[in-house]
């Protein structure tokens, strides 16, 4: 049994956040499971709500199982793929936030491609050298479903589906502000920002490339919302730029913040994201050989789920 005192700078913070700081060798999801299993007491009372706000100075008793903790690393600490589905033609992977889709000249981080080659061996390359197996990509800080082609035939067939826009992609994210409508389209063309080449922007009139995103409002909170985004095209940073243009910048997005996002920042008691709040939740594609329609789903990761749970508990619409 461990005895902890809540530090004053965490006054009002969630119980699971307090435990995560006190026991850094345990993952937050594992600590949440300990709480739900009755392994935590406050003032002698068993607490089973990981999201319970706790006052500074409170004494907490924690009983951790003797089994070794399961720590989920991030970024270049990832050592193997989280495989959703695979066969000899292609694989669907749940990419964690922080992991590059493929190596680049600007970073020495490990990448999904390197992990895929360690698992599957040599992967086919198409028209972009240095990106074996890649038929589409996710931003480094975006999590979720990503496909890897294992044969040249599969790569060509899947790429053709992306070009024909028959691949259905569904993302889920958390944004600042509250939209007026349940569903709405954003179809402003995009172009590179000449002042910051690594970023995109809404194109000047008559310029840029076609881009179209359908947004759906899933839940509303005070000053925040959960959105589902279904991009019809696949431009770089498309969802993030379109969300900002709609006045709904994604929480944690440092590339595309909105001045209004600073007027009501997440309080310290809320789960703090170390990335933008966007997850590639579902992907539908035809099998490149059989033609069977397949659907792959990546569970919402712990950091994003914790933020959503906190908003439901602390920012309900009155």
C-alpha atoms as a PDB file:
ATOM      1  CA  UNK A   1       0.000   0.000   0.000  1.00  0.00           C
ATOM      2  CA  UNK A   2       1.369   3.385  -1.027  1.00  0.00           C
ATOM      3  CA  UNK A   3       0.411   6.605   0.775  1.00  0.00           C
ATOM      4  CA  UNK A   4       0.370   9.792  -1.280  1.00  0.00           C
ATOM      5  CA  UNK A   5      -0.412  13.442  -0.587  1.00  0.00           C
ATOM      6  CA  UNK A   6      -1.868  15.530  -3.391  1.00  0.00           C
ATOM      7  CA  UNK A   7       0.539  18.424  -4.092  1.00  0.00           C
ATOM      8  CA  UNK A   8      -0.895  21.922  -3.876  1.00  0.00           C
ATOM      9  CA  UNK A   9      -0.176  22.633  -7.554  1.00  0.00           C
ATOM     10  CA  UNK A  10      -2.558  19.786  -8.483  1.00  0.00           C
ATOM     11  CA  UNK A  11      -5.467  21.070  -6.396  1.00  0.00           C
ATOM     12  CA  UNK A  12      -8.674  20.012  -8.153  1.00  0.00           C
ATOM     13  CA  UNK A  13      -6.894  17.738 -10.663  1.00  0.00           C
ATOM     14  CA  UNK A  14      -8.308  14.393 -11.740  1.00  0.00           C
ATOM     15  CA  UNK A  15      -7.392  11.415  -9.580  1.00  0.00           C
ATOM     16  CA  UNK A  16      -5.786   9.561 -12.506  1.00  0.00           C
ATOM     17  CA  UNK A  17      -3.582  12.561 -13.335  1.00  0.00           C
ATOM     18  CA  UNK A  18      -2.401  12.750  -9.729  1.00  0.00           C
ATOM     19  CA  UNK A  19      -1.596   9.049  -9.721  1.00  0.00           C
ATOM     20  CA  UNK A  20       0.198   9.294 -13.081  1.00  0.00           C
ATOM     21  CA  UNK A  21       2.560  11.923 -11.650  1.00  0.00           C
ATOM     22  CA  UNK A  22       3.129   9.971  -8.440  1.00  0.00           C
ATOM     23  CA  UNK A  23       3.701   6.627 -10.214  1.00  0.00           C
ATOM     24  CA  UNK A  24       5.335   7.566 -13.551  1.00  0.00           C
ATOM     25  CA  UNK A  25       6.377   3.978 -14.317  1.00  0.00           C
ATOM     26  CA  UNK A  26       2.714   3.006 -14.725  1.00  0.00           C
ATOM     27  CA  UNK A  27       0.661   4.008 -17.753  1.00  0.00           C
ATOM     28  CA  UNK A  28      -2.368   6.201 -17.146  1.00  0.00           C
ATOM     29  CA  UNK A  29      -4.763   3.604 -18.568  1.00  0.00           C
ATOM     30  CA  UNK A  30      -3.325   0.978 -16.197  1.00  0.00           C
ATOM     31  CA  UNK A  31      -3.769   3.315 -13.212  1.00  0.00           C
ATOM     32  CA  UNK A  32      -7.359   3.989 -14.273  1.00  0.00           C
ATOM     33  CA  UNK A  33      -7.952   0.233 -14.206  1.00  0.00           C
ATOM     34  CA  UNK A  34      -6.541   0.088 -10.667  1.00  0.00           C
ATOM     35  CA  UNK A  35      -8.976   2.817  -9.573  1.00  0.00           C
ATOM     36  CA  UNK A  36     -11.973   1.110 -11.163  1.00  0.00           C
ATOM     37  CA  UNK A  37     -10.969  -2.170  -9.493  1.00  0.00           C
ATOM     38  CA  UNK A  38     -11.162  -0.549  -6.034  1.00  0.00           C
ATOM     39  CA  UNK A  39      -7.435  -0.182  -5.420  1.00  0.00           C
ATOM     40  CA  UNK A  40      -7.577   3.461  -4.292  1.00  0.00           C
ATOM     41  CA  UNK A  41      -8.925   4.964  -1.061  1.00  0.00           C
ATOM     42  CA  UNK A  42      -9.457   8.566  -0.023  1.00  0.00           C
ATOM     43  CA  UNK A  43     -10.146   9.148   3.678  1.00  0.00           C
ATOM     44  CA  UNK A  44     -10.683   5.410   4.045  1.00  0.00           C
ATOM     45  CA  UNK A  45     -13.361   5.308   1.330  1.00  0.00           C
ATOM     46  CA  UNK A  46     -12.835   3.260  -1.831  1.00  0.00           C
ATOM     47  CA  UNK A  47     -12.942   5.488  -4.925  1.00  0.00           C
ATOM     48  CA  UNK A  48     -13.734   3.988  -8.322  1.00  0.00           C
ATOM     49  CA  UNK A  49     -13.932   7.141 -10.506  1.00  0.00           C
ATOM     50  CA  UNK A  50     -10.597   7.939 -12.227  1.00  0.00           C
ATOM     51  CA  UNK A  51     -11.883  11.397 -13.162  1.00  0.00           C
ATOM     52  CA  UNK A  52     -12.765  12.459  -9.606  1.00  0.00           C
ATOM     53  CA  UNK A  53     -11.351  15.947  -8.784  1.00  0.00           C
ATOM     54  CA  UNK A  54      -9.189  15.809  -5.653  1.00  0.00           C
ATOM     55  CA  UNK A  55      -8.203  18.720  -3.428  1.00  0.00           C
ATOM     56  CA  UNK A  56      -4.571  19.577  -2.706  1.00  0.00           C
ATOM     57  CA  UNK A  57      -3.276  18.080   0.531  1.00  0.00           C
ATOM     58  CA  UNK A  58      -5.660  15.116   0.383  1.00  0.00           C
ATOM     59  CA  UNK A  59      -4.205  11.788   1.564  1.00  0.00           C
ATOM     60  CA  UNK A  60      -4.559   8.918  -0.916  1.00  0.00           C
ATOM     61  CA  UNK A  61      -3.929   5.220  -0.383  1.00  0.00           C
ATOM     62  CA  UNK A  62      -3.020   3.174  -3.461  1.00  0.00           C
ATOM     63  CA  UNK A  63      -2.671  -0.587  -3.662  1.00  0.00           C
ATOM     64  CA  UNK A  64      -0.866  -1.573  -6.849  1.00  0.00           C
ATOM     65  CA  UNK A  65      -0.797  -5.176  -8.110  1.00  0.00           C
ATOM     66  CA  UNK A  66       2.582  -6.901  -7.849  1.00  0.00           C
ATOM     67  CA  UNK A  67       2.667  -7.642 -11.581  1.00  0.00           C
ATOM     68  CA  UNK A  68       5.022  -5.532 -13.639  1.00  0.00           C
ATOM     69  CA  UNK A  69       3.410  -2.382 -15.053  1.00  0.00           C
ATOM     70  CA  UNK A  70       2.677  -2.115 -18.739  1.00  0.00           C
ATOM     71  CA  UNK A  71       4.073   1.172 -19.968  1.00  0.00           C
ATOM     72  CA  UNK A  72       2.921   2.426 -23.353  1.00  0.00           C
ATOM     73  CA  UNK A  73       5.769   4.461 -24.892  1.00  0.00           C
ATOM     74  CA  UNK A  74       5.259   7.193 -27.455  1.00  0.00           C
ATOM     75  CA  UNK A  75       6.971   8.355 -30.595  1.00  0.00           C
ATOM     76  CA  UNK A  76      10.388   6.866 -31.273  1.00  0.00           C
ATOM     77  CA  UNK A  77      10.113   4.684 -28.132  1.00  0.00           C
ATOM     78  CA  UNK A  78       7.591   2.451 -29.962  1.00  0.00           C
ATOM     79  CA  UNK A  79       9.264  -0.862 -30.794  1.00  0.00           C
ATOM     80  CA  UNK A  80       6.559  -2.823 -32.611  1.00  0.00           C
ATOM     81  CA  UNK A  81       3.406  -2.300 -34.651  1.00  0.00           C
ATOM     82  CA  UNK A  82      -0.113  -2.312 -33.228  1.00  0.00           C
ATOM     83  CA  UNK A  83      -1.685  -4.430 -35.980  1.00  0.00           C
ATOM     84  CA  UNK A  84      -5.445  -4.190 -36.514  1.00  0.00           C
ATOM     85  CA  UNK A  85      -5.527  -6.604 -39.476  1.00  0.00           C
ATOM     86  CA  UNK A  86      -3.049  -8.155 -41.887  1.00  0.00           C
ATOM     87  CA  UNK A  87      -2.705 -10.636 -44.740  1.00  0.00           C
ATOM     88  CA  UNK A  88      -0.053 -11.272 -47.388  1.00  0.00           C
ATOM     89  CA  UNK A  89      -1.235  -8.237 -49.417  1.00  0.00           C
ATOM     90  CA  UNK A  90      -1.499  -5.367 -46.931  1.00  0.00           C
ATOM     91  CA  UNK A  91      -1.915  -4.473 -43.266  1.00  0.00           C
ATOM     92  CA  UNK A  92      -3.998  -1.997 -41.271  1.00  0.00           C
ATOM     93  CA  UNK A  93      -2.058  -0.463 -38.388  1.00  0.00           C
ATOM     94  CA  UNK A  94      -3.113   1.595 -35.351  1.00  0.00           C
ATOM     95  CA  UNK A  95      -0.478   4.354 -35.430  1.00  0.00           C
ATOM     96  CA  UNK A  96       0.197   5.952 -32.035  1.00  0.00           C
ATOM     97  CA  UNK A  97       0.642   9.725 -31.708  1.00  0.00           C
ATOM     98  CA  UNK A  98       4.246  10.813 -32.032  1.00  0.00           C
ATOM     99  CA  UNK A  99       5.279   8.160 -34.556  1.00  0.00           C
ATOM    100  CA  UNK A 100       6.341   9.360 -38.010  1.00  0.00           C
ATOM    101  CA  UNK A 101       4.631   7.665 -40.945  1.00  0.00           C
ATOM    102  CA  UNK A 102       7.924   7.440 -42.842  1.00  0.00           C
ATOM    103  CA  UNK A 103      11.517   8.662 -42.379  1.00  0.00           C
ATOM    104  CA  UNK A 104      12.334  12.188 -43.465  1.00  0.00           C
ATOM    105  CA  UNK A 105      15.400  14.371 -43.769  1.00  0.00           C
ATOM    106  CA  UNK A 106      14.319  16.659 -40.925  1.00  0.00           C
ATOM    107  CA  UNK A 107      14.141  14.075 -38.134  1.00  0.00           C
ATOM    108  CA  UNK A 108      16.107  11.090 -36.814  1.00  0.00           C
ATOM    109  CA  UNK A 109      13.001   9.618 -35.164  1.00  0.00           C
ATOM    110  CA  UNK A 110      11.950   6.063 -35.885  1.00  0.00           C
ATOM    111  CA  UNK A 111       8.978   5.615 -38.202  1.00  0.00           C
ATOM    112  CA  UNK A 112       6.078   3.307 -38.932  1.00  0.00           C
ATOM    113  CA  UNK A 113       7.848   2.239 -42.144  1.00  0.00           C
ATOM    114  CA  UNK A 114      10.894   1.037 -40.212  1.00  0.00           C
ATOM    115  CA  UNK A 115       8.709  -0.975 -37.839  1.00  0.00           C
ATOM    116  CA  UNK A 116       6.767  -2.409 -40.783  1.00  0.00           C
ATOM    117  CA  UNK A 117       9.959  -3.482 -42.556  1.00  0.00           C
ATOM    118  CA  UNK A 118      11.153  -5.169 -39.359  1.00  0.00           C
ATOM    119  CA  UNK A 119       7.900  -7.169 -39.286  1.00  0.00           C
ATOM    120  CA  UNK A 120       7.231  -7.806 -42.972  1.00  0.00           C
ATOM    121  CA  UNK A 121      10.598  -7.469 -44.710  1.00  0.00           C
ATOM    122  CA  UNK A 122      11.107  -5.446 -47.892  1.00  0.00           C
ATOM    123  CA  UNK A 123       8.096  -3.343 -48.846  1.00  0.00           C
ATOM    124  CA  UNK A 124       7.225  -2.051 -52.320  1.00  0.00           C
ATOM    125  CA  UNK A 125       7.971   1.512 -53.360  1.00  0.00           C
ATOM    126  CA  UNK A 126       5.838   3.525 -55.732  1.00  0.00           C
ATOM    127  CA  UNK A 127       6.476   6.994 -57.131  1.00  0.00           C
ATOM    128  CA  UNK A 128       7.992   8.373 -53.890  1.00  0.00           C
ATOM    129  CA  UNK A 129      11.373   6.803 -53.023  1.00  0.00           C
ATOM    130  CA  UNK A 130      12.043   6.391 -49.298  1.00  0.00           C
ATOM    131  CA  UNK A 131       8.414   5.664 -48.489  1.00  0.00           C
ATOM    132  CA  UNK A 132       8.115   1.872 -48.932  1.00  0.00           C
ATOM    133  CA  UNK A 133       4.641   0.482 -48.331  1.00  0.00           C
ATOM    134  CA  UNK A 134       3.087   3.927 -47.871  1.00  0.00           C
ATOM    135  CA  UNK A 135      -0.223   4.423 -49.688  1.00  0.00           C
ATOM    136  CA  UNK A 136      -1.357   7.306 -47.480  1.00  0.00           C
ATOM    137  CA  UNK A 137       0.003   9.008 -44.388  1.00  0.00           C
ATOM    138  CA  UNK A 138      -0.971  10.537 -41.069  1.00  0.00           C
ATOM    139  CA  UNK A 139       0.691  13.541 -39.440  1.00  0.00           C
ATOM    140  CA  UNK A 140       3.192  12.562 -36.742  1.00  0.00           C
ATOM    141  CA  UNK A 141       0.937  13.724 -33.909  1.00  0.00           C
ATOM    142  CA  UNK A 142      -2.253  12.252 -35.393  1.00  0.00           C
ATOM    143  CA  UNK A 143      -3.122   8.750 -34.191  1.00  0.00           C
ATOM    144  CA  UNK A 144      -5.252   6.073 -35.798  1.00  0.00           C
ATOM    145  CA  UNK A 145      -5.756   3.732 -38.757  1.00  0.00           C
ATOM    146  CA  UNK A 146      -3.067   3.647 -41.411  1.00  0.00           C
ATOM    147  CA  UNK A 147      -2.531   1.090 -44.169  1.00  0.00           C
ATOM    148  CA  UNK A 148       0.737  -0.482 -45.349  1.00  0.00           C
ATOM    149  CA  UNK A 149       0.966  -2.222 -48.744  1.00  0.00           C
ATOM    150  CA  UNK A 150       3.024  -5.432 -48.794  1.00  0.00           C
ATOM    151  CA  UNK A 151       3.067  -6.070 -52.555  1.00  0.00           C
ATOM    152  CA  UNK A 152       3.397  -3.796 -55.600  1.00  0.00           C
ATOM    153  CA  UNK A 153      -0.021  -4.974 -56.808  1.00  0.00           C
ATOM    154  CA  UNK A 154      -1.691  -4.074 -53.509  1.00  0.00           C
ATOM    155  CA  UNK A 155       0.027  -0.692 -53.450  1.00  0.00           C
ATOM    156  CA  UNK A 156      -1.208   0.151 -56.938  1.00  0.00           C
ATOM    157  CA  UNK A 157      -4.770  -1.060 -56.258  1.00  0.00           C
ATOM    158  CA  UNK A 158      -5.105   0.842 -52.971  1.00  0.00           C
ATOM    159  CA  UNK A 159      -3.572   4.020 -54.388  1.00  0.00           C
ATOM    160  CA  UNK A 160      -6.087   3.877 -57.237  1.00  0.00           C
ATOM    161  CA  UNK A 161      -8.902   3.728 -54.671  1.00  0.00           C
ATOM    162  CA  UNK A 162      -7.545   6.839 -52.939  1.00  0.00           C
ATOM    163  CA  UNK A 163      -7.322   8.641 -56.284  1.00  0.00           C
ATOM    164  CA  UNK A 164     -10.895   7.592 -57.125  1.00  0.00           C
ATOM    165  CA  UNK A 165     -11.990   8.717 -53.632  1.00  0.00           C
ATOM    166  CA  UNK A 166     -13.686   5.420 -52.828  1.00  0.00           C
ATOM    167  CA  UNK A 167     -11.754   5.024 -49.572  1.00  0.00           C
ATOM    168  CA  UNK A 168     -13.933   6.284 -46.697  1.00  0.00           C
ATOM    169  CA  UNK A 169     -12.030   7.980 -43.871  1.00  0.00           C
ATOM    170  CA  UNK A 170     -13.572   9.026 -40.546  1.00  0.00           C
ATOM    171  CA  UNK A 171     -11.675  11.091 -37.980  1.00  0.00           C
ATOM    172  CA  UNK A 172     -12.719  12.175 -34.497  1.00  0.00           C
ATOM    173  CA  UNK A 173     -11.382  15.224 -32.686  1.00  0.00           C
ATOM    174  CA  UNK A 174     -11.947  17.793 -29.954  1.00  0.00           C
ATOM    175  CA  UNK A 175     -12.195  21.462 -30.905  1.00  0.00           C
ATOM    176  CA  UNK A 176     -12.482  24.839 -29.234  1.00  0.00           C
ATOM    177  CA  UNK A 177     -15.850  26.604 -29.527  1.00  0.00           C
ATOM    178  CA  UNK A 178     -19.261  25.220 -30.410  1.00  0.00           C
ATOM    179  CA  UNK A 179     -20.600  24.916 -33.972  1.00  0.00           C
ATOM    180  CA  UNK A 180     -24.054  26.186 -34.848  1.00  0.00           C
ATOM    181  CA  UNK A 181     -24.972  23.272 -37.100  1.00  0.00           C
ATOM    182  CA  UNK A 182     -25.140  19.499 -36.720  1.00  0.00           C
ATOM    183  CA  UNK A 183     -23.414  18.889 -40.074  1.00  0.00           C
ATOM    184  CA  UNK A 184     -21.556  21.309 -42.321  1.00  0.00           C
ATOM    185  CA  UNK A 185     -19.219  21.228 -45.317  1.00  0.00           C
ATOM    186  CA  UNK A 186     -15.946  23.094 -45.636  1.00  0.00           C
ATOM    187  CA  UNK A 187     -14.669  23.135 -49.200  1.00  0.00           C
ATOM    188  CA  UNK A 188     -12.102  25.929 -49.314  1.00  0.00           C
ATOM    189  CA  UNK A 189      -9.081  25.093 -51.515  1.00  0.00           C
ATOM    190  CA  UNK A 190      -5.701  24.793 -49.767  1.00  0.00           C
ATOM    191  CA  UNK A 191      -2.180  25.938 -50.600  1.00  0.00           C
ATOM    192  CA  UNK A 192       1.199  26.007 -48.898  1.00  0.00           C
ATOM    193  CA  UNK A 193       1.859  28.979 -46.658  1.00  0.00           C
ATOM    194  CA  UNK A 194       4.792  30.756 -48.363  1.00  0.00           C
ATOM    195  CA  UNK A 195       5.905  32.250 -45.056  1.00  0.00           C
ATOM    196  CA  UNK A 196       5.914  28.832 -43.341  1.00  0.00           C
ATOM    197  CA  UNK A 197       6.403  26.090 -45.955  1.00  0.00           C
ATOM    198  CA  UNK A 198       5.713  23.297 -43.461  1.00  0.00           C
ATOM    199  CA  UNK A 199       2.158  24.602 -43.014  1.00  0.00           C
ATOM    200  CA  UNK A 200      -0.915  24.952 -45.198  1.00  0.00           C
ATOM    201  CA  UNK A 201      -3.461  27.736 -45.442  1.00  0.00           C
ATOM    202  CA  UNK A 202      -6.755  28.592 -47.137  1.00  0.00           C
ATOM    203  CA  UNK A 203      -5.812  29.443 -50.711  1.00  0.00           C
ATOM    204  CA  UNK A 204      -6.173  32.833 -52.292  1.00  0.00           C
ATOM    205  CA  UNK A 205      -9.066  33.217 -54.690  1.00  0.00           C
ATOM    206  CA  UNK A 206      -8.508  31.158 -57.817  1.00  0.00           C
ATOM    207  CA  UNK A 207      -5.448  29.442 -56.346  1.00  0.00           C
ATOM    208  CA  UNK A 208      -4.711  26.251 -54.445  1.00  0.00           C
ATOM    209  CA  UNK A 209      -5.932  22.665 -54.683  1.00  0.00           C
ATOM    210  CA  UNK A 210      -9.482  21.412 -54.218  1.00  0.00           C
ATOM    211  CA  UNK A 211     -10.248  20.281 -50.667  1.00  0.00           C
ATOM    212  CA  UNK A 212     -13.536  19.177 -49.116  1.00  0.00           C
ATOM    213  CA  UNK A 213     -14.406  18.002 -45.588  1.00  0.00           C
ATOM    214  CA  UNK A 214     -17.746  17.043 -44.042  1.00  0.00           C
ATOM    215  CA  UNK A 215     -17.938  17.845 -40.317  1.00  0.00           C
ATOM    216  CA  UNK A 216     -20.501  16.409 -37.915  1.00  0.00           C
ATOM    217  CA  UNK A 217     -21.068  17.696 -34.378  1.00  0.00           C
ATOM    218  CA  UNK A 218     -21.080  14.684 -32.055  1.00  0.00           C
ATOM    219  CA  UNK A 219     -21.238  16.376 -28.633  1.00  0.00           C
ATOM    220  CA  UNK A 220     -21.377  19.957 -27.385  1.00  0.00           C
ATOM    221  CA  UNK A 221     -19.872  21.299 -24.173  1.00  0.00           C
ATOM    222  CA  UNK A 222     -19.278  24.760 -22.768  1.00  0.00           C
ATOM    223  CA  UNK A 223     -16.679  26.262 -25.140  1.00  0.00           C
ATOM    224  CA  UNK A 224     -15.722  22.885 -26.657  1.00  0.00           C
ATOM    225  CA  UNK A 225     -17.111  20.180 -28.898  1.00  0.00           C
ATOM    226  CA  UNK A 226     -16.391  16.704 -30.239  1.00  0.00           C
ATOM    227  CA  UNK A 227     -16.345  16.590 -34.033  1.00  0.00           C
ATOM    228  CA  UNK A 228     -16.349  13.814 -36.600  1.00  0.00           C
ATOM    229  CA  UNK A 229     -14.588  14.767 -39.825  1.00  0.00           C
ATOM    230  CA  UNK A 230     -14.969  12.911 -43.123  1.00  0.00           C
ATOM    231  CA  UNK A 231     -12.477  14.276 -45.667  1.00  0.00           C
ATOM    232  CA  UNK A 232     -13.529  13.795 -49.283  1.00  0.00           C
ATOM    233  CA  UNK A 233     -10.061  14.784 -50.488  1.00  0.00           C
ATOM    234  CA  UNK A 234      -6.705  14.038 -48.868  1.00  0.00           C
ATOM    235  CA  UNK A 235      -4.703  17.250 -48.711  1.00  0.00           C
ATOM    236  CA  UNK A 236      -1.918  17.830 -46.183  1.00  0.00           C
ATOM    237  CA  UNK A 237      -3.308  19.063 -42.837  1.00  0.00           C
ATOM    238  CA  UNK A 238      -6.739  19.345 -44.480  1.00  0.00           C
ATOM    239  CA  UNK A 239      -8.939  18.650 -41.443  1.00  0.00           C
ATOM    240  CA  UNK A 240      -6.887  20.878 -39.166  1.00  0.00           C
ATOM    241  CA  UNK A 241      -6.905  23.864 -41.544  1.00  0.00           C
ATOM    242  CA  UNK A 242     -10.584  23.442 -42.415  1.00  0.00           C
ATOM    243  CA  UNK A 243     -11.566  23.145 -38.735  1.00  0.00           C
ATOM    244  CA  UNK A 244      -9.683  26.349 -37.932  1.00  0.00           C
ATOM    245  CA  UNK A 245     -11.306  28.129 -40.896  1.00  0.00           C
ATOM    246  CA  UNK A 246     -14.701  27.176 -39.460  1.00  0.00           C
ATOM    247  CA  UNK A 247     -13.709  28.809 -36.156  1.00  0.00           C
ATOM    248  CA  UNK A 248     -13.196  25.387 -34.532  1.00  0.00           C
ATOM    249  CA  UNK A 249      -9.437  24.981 -34.014  1.00  0.00           C
ATOM    250  CA  UNK A 250      -8.465  21.593 -32.653  1.00  0.00           C
ATOM    251  CA  UNK A 251      -7.394  21.475 -29.024  1.00  0.00           C
ATOM    252  CA  UNK A 252      -3.606  21.286 -28.754  1.00  0.00           C
ATOM    253  CA  UNK A 253      -2.905  22.254 -32.372  1.00  0.00           C
ATOM    254  CA  UNK A 254       0.170  24.485 -32.206  1.00  0.00           C
ATOM    255  CA  UNK A 255       0.472  24.770 -35.989  1.00  0.00           C
ATOM    256  CA  UNK A 256      -3.055  26.052 -36.514  1.00  0.00           C
ATOM    257  CA  UNK A 257      -4.202  27.802 -33.334  1.00  0.00           C
ATOM    258  CA  UNK A 258      -7.015  30.311 -33.342  1.00  0.00           C
ATOM    259  CA  UNK A 259      -6.866  33.568 -31.316  1.00  0.00           C
ATOM    260  CA  UNK A 260     -10.212  32.701 -29.768  1.00  0.00           C
ATOM    261  CA  UNK A 261      -8.819  29.447 -28.400  1.00  0.00           C
ATOM    262  CA  UNK A 262      -6.783  31.454 -25.912  1.00  0.00           C
ATOM    263  CA  UNK A 263      -9.839  33.106 -24.370  1.00  0.00           C
ATOM    264  CA  UNK A 264     -10.929  29.898 -22.624  1.00  0.00           C
ATOM    265  CA  UNK A 265      -7.936  27.518 -22.328  1.00  0.00           C
ATOM    266  CA  UNK A 266      -8.265  24.129 -20.701  1.00  0.00           C
ATOM    267  CA  UNK A 267      -7.804  24.519 -16.922  1.00  0.00           C
ATOM    268  CA  UNK A 268      -4.892  22.814 -15.200  1.00  0.00           C
ATOM    269  CA  UNK A 269      -7.279  20.236 -13.737  1.00  0.00           C
ATOM    270  CA  UNK A 270      -8.129  18.958 -17.219  1.00  0.00           C
ATOM    271  CA  UNK A 271      -6.094  16.270 -18.981  1.00  0.00           C
ATOM    272  CA  UNK A 272      -3.390  18.082 -20.910  1.00  0.00           C
ATOM    273  CA  UNK A 273      -2.690  16.868 -24.446  1.00  0.00           C
ATOM    274  CA  UNK A 274       0.842  16.894 -25.836  1.00  0.00           C
ATOM    275  CA  UNK A 275      -0.458  16.925 -29.411  1.00  0.00           C
ATOM    276  CA  UNK A 276      -3.446  18.061 -31.436  1.00  0.00           C
ATOM    277  CA  UNK A 277      -6.734  16.309 -30.590  1.00  0.00           C
ATOM    278  CA  UNK A 278      -7.263  14.336 -33.801  1.00  0.00           C
ATOM    279  CA  UNK A 279      -7.607  10.574 -34.314  1.00  0.00           C
ATOM    280  CA  UNK A 280      -8.111   8.592 -37.541  1.00  0.00           C
ATOM    281  CA  UNK A 281     -10.890   6.477 -36.096  1.00  0.00           C
ATOM    282  CA  UNK A 282     -12.184   4.417 -39.022  1.00  0.00           C
ATOM    283  CA  UNK A 283     -11.187   3.524 -42.573  1.00  0.00           C
ATOM    284  CA  UNK A 284     -13.148   1.598 -45.221  1.00  0.00           C
ATOM    285  CA  UNK A 285     -11.433   0.178 -48.303  1.00  0.00           C
ATOM    286  CA  UNK A 286     -11.931  -2.564 -50.896  1.00  0.00           C
ATOM    287  CA  UNK A 287      -9.512  -5.476 -50.548  1.00  0.00           C
ATOM    288  CA  UNK A 288      -6.944  -5.027 -53.344  1.00  0.00           C
ATOM    289  CA  UNK A 289      -7.326  -8.647 -54.515  1.00  0.00           C
ATOM    290  CA  UNK A 290     -10.757  -9.996 -53.488  1.00  0.00           C
ATOM    291  CA  UNK A 291     -12.597  -6.672 -53.790  1.00  0.00           C
ATOM    292  CA  UNK A 292     -14.350  -7.301 -50.450  1.00  0.00           C
ATOM    293  CA  UNK A 293     -15.278  -4.106 -48.618  1.00  0.00           C
ATOM    294  CA  UNK A 294     -13.356  -3.975 -45.326  1.00  0.00           C
ATOM    295  CA  UNK A 295     -13.702  -1.662 -42.332  1.00  0.00           C
ATOM    296  CA  UNK A 296     -10.914  -1.012 -39.828  1.00  0.00           C
ATOM    297  CA  UNK A 297     -11.412   0.807 -36.519  1.00  0.00           C
ATOM    298  CA  UNK A 298      -8.708   2.137 -34.170  1.00  0.00           C
ATOM    299  CA  UNK A 299      -9.897   2.600 -30.556  1.00  0.00           C
ATOM    300  CA  UNK A 300      -9.757   6.152 -29.252  1.00  0.00           C
ATOM    301  CA  UNK A 301      -6.406   6.479 -27.423  1.00  0.00           C
ATOM    302  CA  UNK A 302      -6.178   7.149 -23.701  1.00  0.00           C
ATOM    303  CA  UNK A 303      -5.142  10.805 -23.945  1.00  0.00           C
ATOM    304  CA  UNK A 304      -8.055  11.764 -26.167  1.00  0.00           C
ATOM    305  CA  UNK A 305     -10.547   9.605 -24.255  1.00  0.00           C
ATOM    306  CA  UNK A 306      -9.497  11.203 -20.954  1.00  0.00           C
ATOM    307  CA  UNK A 307     -10.100  14.674 -22.387  1.00  0.00           C
ATOM    308  CA  UNK A 308     -13.540  13.691 -23.688  1.00  0.00           C
ATOM    309  CA  UNK A 309     -14.470  12.161 -20.324  1.00  0.00           C
ATOM    310  CA  UNK A 310     -13.324  15.298 -18.516  1.00  0.00           C
ATOM    311  CA  UNK A 311     -15.432  17.532 -20.758  1.00  0.00           C
ATOM    312  CA  UNK A 312     -18.487  15.345 -20.147  1.00  0.00           C
ATOM    313  CA  UNK A 313     -17.982  15.577 -16.393  1.00  0.00           C
ATOM    314  CA  UNK A 314     -16.917  19.214 -16.100  1.00  0.00           C
ATOM    315  CA  UNK A 315     -18.196  21.153 -19.107  1.00  0.00           C
ATOM    316  CA  UNK A 316     -21.741  19.905 -19.811  1.00  0.00           C
ATOM    317  CA  UNK A 317     -24.060  22.285 -21.615  1.00  0.00           C
ATOM    318  CA  UNK A 318     -26.458  23.716 -19.041  1.00  0.00           C
END
